[in-house]
């Protein structure tokens, strides 16, 4: 898969929009980021996951999913190696990040 594949799949998710975060493409739903292409030059797409889901993805496919270095990774931010990703893996990973963001957005809106 390529950054263009990542972009196309992300934007096919309901309500997804492309924005920019620190000069890199990001993908948002409800105004909040669920994925980015901030590491595309290193061959990665980035996913906003929970630490638990990240651990499961890394355990199931350590050649495909890599925690982002440092504190961001400990919070669940995860690289997906685009060159190794199948369409199904990339679609599933992006859908997971998108779903998590929608759920988090719903929780925040209920508090207000």
C-alpha atoms as a PDB file:
ATOM      1  CA  UNK A   1       0.000   0.000   0.000  1.00  0.00           C
ATOM      2  CA  UNK A   2       1.058   3.605  -0.527  1.00  0.00           C
ATOM      3  CA  UNK A   3       0.330   6.967   1.124  1.00  0.00           C
ATOM      4  CA  UNK A   4      -2.248   7.551  -1.632  1.00  0.00           C
ATOM      5  CA  UNK A   5      -3.954   4.242  -0.740  1.00  0.00           C
ATOM      6  CA  UNK A   6      -3.918   5.252   2.942  1.00  0.00           C
ATOM      7  CA  UNK A   7      -5.506   8.626   2.041  1.00  0.00           C
ATOM      8  CA  UNK A   8      -8.162   7.094  -0.220  1.00  0.00           C
ATOM      9  CA  UNK A   9      -9.181   4.432   2.319  1.00  0.00           C
ATOM     10  CA  UNK A  10      -9.251   6.927   5.207  1.00  0.00           C
ATOM     11  CA  UNK A  11     -11.418   9.358   3.236  1.00  0.00           C
ATOM     12  CA  UNK A  12     -13.860   6.585   2.301  1.00  0.00           C
ATOM     13  CA  UNK A  13     -14.844   6.245   5.968  1.00  0.00           C
ATOM     14  CA  UNK A  14     -18.114   8.024   6.780  1.00  0.00           C
ATOM     15  CA  UNK A  15     -17.576  11.628   7.821  1.00  0.00           C
ATOM     16  CA  UNK A  16     -13.795  11.518   7.362  1.00  0.00           C
ATOM     17  CA  UNK A  17     -12.073  14.696   6.246  1.00  0.00           C
ATOM     18  CA  UNK A  18      -8.471  15.509   5.419  1.00  0.00           C
ATOM     19  CA  UNK A  19      -6.775  18.258   7.346  1.00  0.00           C
ATOM     20  CA  UNK A  20      -3.242  19.214   8.236  1.00  0.00           C
ATOM     21  CA  UNK A  21      -1.369  18.814  11.496  1.00  0.00           C
ATOM     22  CA  UNK A  22       2.113  20.290  11.813  1.00  0.00           C
ATOM     23  CA  UNK A  23       2.492  20.313   8.025  1.00  0.00           C
ATOM     24  CA  UNK A  24       1.388  16.727   7.446  1.00  0.00           C
ATOM     25  CA  UNK A  25      -1.882  15.293   6.191  1.00  0.00           C
ATOM     26  CA  UNK A  26      -4.226  14.104   8.901  1.00  0.00           C
ATOM     27  CA  UNK A  27      -7.606  12.450   8.812  1.00  0.00           C
ATOM     28  CA  UNK A  28     -10.392  13.515  11.129  1.00  0.00           C
ATOM     29  CA  UNK A  29     -13.907  12.586  12.012  1.00  0.00           C
ATOM     30  CA  UNK A  30     -15.981  15.037  14.042  1.00  0.00           C
ATOM     31  CA  UNK A  31     -13.031  17.428  13.877  1.00  0.00           C
ATOM     32  CA  UNK A  32     -10.697  15.044  15.723  1.00  0.00           C
ATOM     33  CA  UNK A  33      -7.697  13.140  14.330  1.00  0.00           C
ATOM     34  CA  UNK A  34      -7.828   9.358  13.900  1.00  0.00           C
ATOM     35  CA  UNK A  35      -4.860   8.894  11.523  1.00  0.00           C
ATOM     36  CA  UNK A  36      -2.027  10.844   9.881  1.00  0.00           C
ATOM     37  CA  UNK A  37       0.582  10.598   7.179  1.00  0.00           C
ATOM     38  CA  UNK A  38       3.170  12.422   9.300  1.00  0.00           C
ATOM     39  CA  UNK A  39       5.653   9.541   8.856  1.00  0.00           C
ATOM     40  CA  UNK A  40       5.013   8.747   5.192  1.00  0.00           C
ATOM     41  CA  UNK A  41       8.636   9.604   4.292  1.00  0.00           C
ATOM     42  CA  UNK A  42       9.709   6.721   6.562  1.00  0.00           C
ATOM     43  CA  UNK A  43       7.155   4.425   4.908  1.00  0.00           C
ATOM     44  CA  UNK A  44       4.526   4.607   7.647  1.00  0.00           C
ATOM     45  CA  UNK A  45       0.951   5.659   8.121  1.00  0.00           C
ATOM     46  CA  UNK A  46       0.017   6.572  11.695  1.00  0.00           C
ATOM     47  CA  UNK A  47      -3.022   5.382  13.613  1.00  0.00           C
ATOM     48  CA  UNK A  48      -4.557   6.731  16.828  1.00  0.00           C
ATOM     49  CA  UNK A  49      -5.323   3.580  18.831  1.00  0.00           C
ATOM     50  CA  UNK A  50      -5.611   2.742  22.518  1.00  0.00           C
ATOM     51  CA  UNK A  51      -2.587   1.147  24.196  1.00  0.00           C
ATOM     52  CA  UNK A  52      -4.567  -2.102  24.528  1.00  0.00           C
ATOM     53  CA  UNK A  53      -5.535  -2.282  20.862  1.00  0.00           C
ATOM     54  CA  UNK A  54      -2.025  -1.279  19.849  1.00  0.00           C
ATOM     55  CA  UNK A  55      -0.616  -4.168  21.907  1.00  0.00           C
ATOM     56  CA  UNK A  56      -3.016  -6.585  20.231  1.00  0.00           C
ATOM     57  CA  UNK A  57      -2.137  -5.338  16.722  1.00  0.00           C
ATOM     58  CA  UNK A  58       1.619  -5.508  17.454  1.00  0.00           C
ATOM     59  CA  UNK A  59       1.293  -8.997  18.936  1.00  0.00           C
ATOM     60  CA  UNK A  60      -0.718 -10.242  15.941  1.00  0.00           C
ATOM     61  CA  UNK A  61       1.454  -8.600  13.251  1.00  0.00           C
ATOM     62  CA  UNK A  62       4.762  -7.233  14.618  1.00  0.00           C
ATOM     63  CA  UNK A  63       6.147  -6.805  11.091  1.00  0.00           C
ATOM     64  CA  UNK A  64       3.205  -4.551  10.206  1.00  0.00           C
ATOM     65  CA  UNK A  65       2.449  -2.513  13.347  1.00  0.00           C
ATOM     66  CA  UNK A  66       5.068  -0.593  15.347  1.00  0.00           C
ATOM     67  CA  UNK A  67       4.446   1.686  18.339  1.00  0.00           C
ATOM     68  CA  UNK A  68       5.530   5.250  17.594  1.00  0.00           C
ATOM     69  CA  UNK A  69       8.684   6.008  19.586  1.00  0.00           C
ATOM     70  CA  UNK A  70       8.383   7.567  23.024  1.00  0.00           C
ATOM     71  CA  UNK A  71       5.367   8.919  24.848  1.00  0.00           C
ATOM     72  CA  UNK A  72       3.138   9.061  21.787  1.00  0.00           C
ATOM     73  CA  UNK A  73       3.575   5.330  21.325  1.00  0.00           C
ATOM     74  CA  UNK A  74       2.835   4.629  24.976  1.00  0.00           C
ATOM     75  CA  UNK A  75      -0.483   6.470  24.465  1.00  0.00           C
ATOM     76  CA  UNK A  76      -1.407   4.148  21.583  1.00  0.00           C
ATOM     77  CA  UNK A  77      -0.083   6.028  18.559  1.00  0.00           C
ATOM     78  CA  UNK A  78       0.955   3.331  16.099  1.00  0.00           C
ATOM     79  CA  UNK A  79       2.813   3.127  12.787  1.00  0.00           C
ATOM     80  CA  UNK A  80       1.561   0.810  10.055  1.00  0.00           C
ATOM     81  CA  UNK A  81       4.268  -0.225   7.572  1.00  0.00           C
ATOM     82  CA  UNK A  82       2.627   0.699   4.279  1.00  0.00           C
ATOM     83  CA  UNK A  83       4.819  -1.475   2.040  1.00  0.00           C
ATOM     84  CA  UNK A  84       3.833  -4.584   4.041  1.00  0.00           C
ATOM     85  CA  UNK A  85       0.147  -3.779   4.439  1.00  0.00           C
ATOM     86  CA  UNK A  86      -2.527  -5.542   2.456  1.00  0.00           C
ATOM     87  CA  UNK A  87      -5.646  -3.622   1.511  1.00  0.00           C
ATOM     88  CA  UNK A  88      -7.606  -5.639   4.096  1.00  0.00           C
ATOM     89  CA  UNK A  89      -5.104  -4.917   6.876  1.00  0.00           C
ATOM     90  CA  UNK A  90      -4.981  -1.204   6.097  1.00  0.00           C
ATOM     91  CA  UNK A  91      -8.769  -0.920   5.812  1.00  0.00           C
ATOM     92  CA  UNK A  92      -9.231  -2.770   9.089  1.00  0.00           C
ATOM     93  CA  UNK A  93      -6.640  -0.698  10.933  1.00  0.00           C
ATOM     94  CA  UNK A  94      -8.028   2.609   9.669  1.00  0.00           C
ATOM     95  CA  UNK A  95     -11.587   1.518  10.456  1.00  0.00           C
ATOM     96  CA  UNK A  96     -10.483   0.620  14.003  1.00  0.00           C
ATOM     97  CA  UNK A  97      -8.880   4.048  14.530  1.00  0.00           C
ATOM     98  CA  UNK A  98     -11.939   5.783  13.001  1.00  0.00           C
ATOM     99  CA  UNK A  99     -14.331   3.802  15.239  1.00  0.00           C
ATOM    100  CA  UNK A 100     -12.303   4.607  18.358  1.00  0.00           C
ATOM    101  CA  UNK A 101     -12.390   8.311  17.484  1.00  0.00           C
ATOM    102  CA  UNK A 102     -16.167   8.262  16.917  1.00  0.00           C
ATOM    103  CA  UNK A 103     -16.687   6.521  20.270  1.00  0.00           C
ATOM    104  CA  UNK A 104     -14.430   9.021  22.023  1.00  0.00           C
ATOM    105  CA  UNK A 105     -16.224  11.942  20.342  1.00  0.00           C
ATOM    106  CA  UNK A 106     -19.596  10.577  21.544  1.00  0.00           C
ATOM    107  CA  UNK A 107     -18.337  10.308  25.126  1.00  0.00           C
ATOM    108  CA  UNK A 108     -17.068  13.894  25.048  1.00  0.00           C
ATOM    109  CA  UNK A 109     -20.341  15.242  23.632  1.00  0.00           C
ATOM    110  CA  UNK A 110     -22.337  13.507  26.390  1.00  0.00           C
ATOM    111  CA  UNK A 111     -20.262  15.307  29.034  1.00  0.00           C
ATOM    112  CA  UNK A 112     -21.238  18.722  27.650  1.00  0.00           C
END
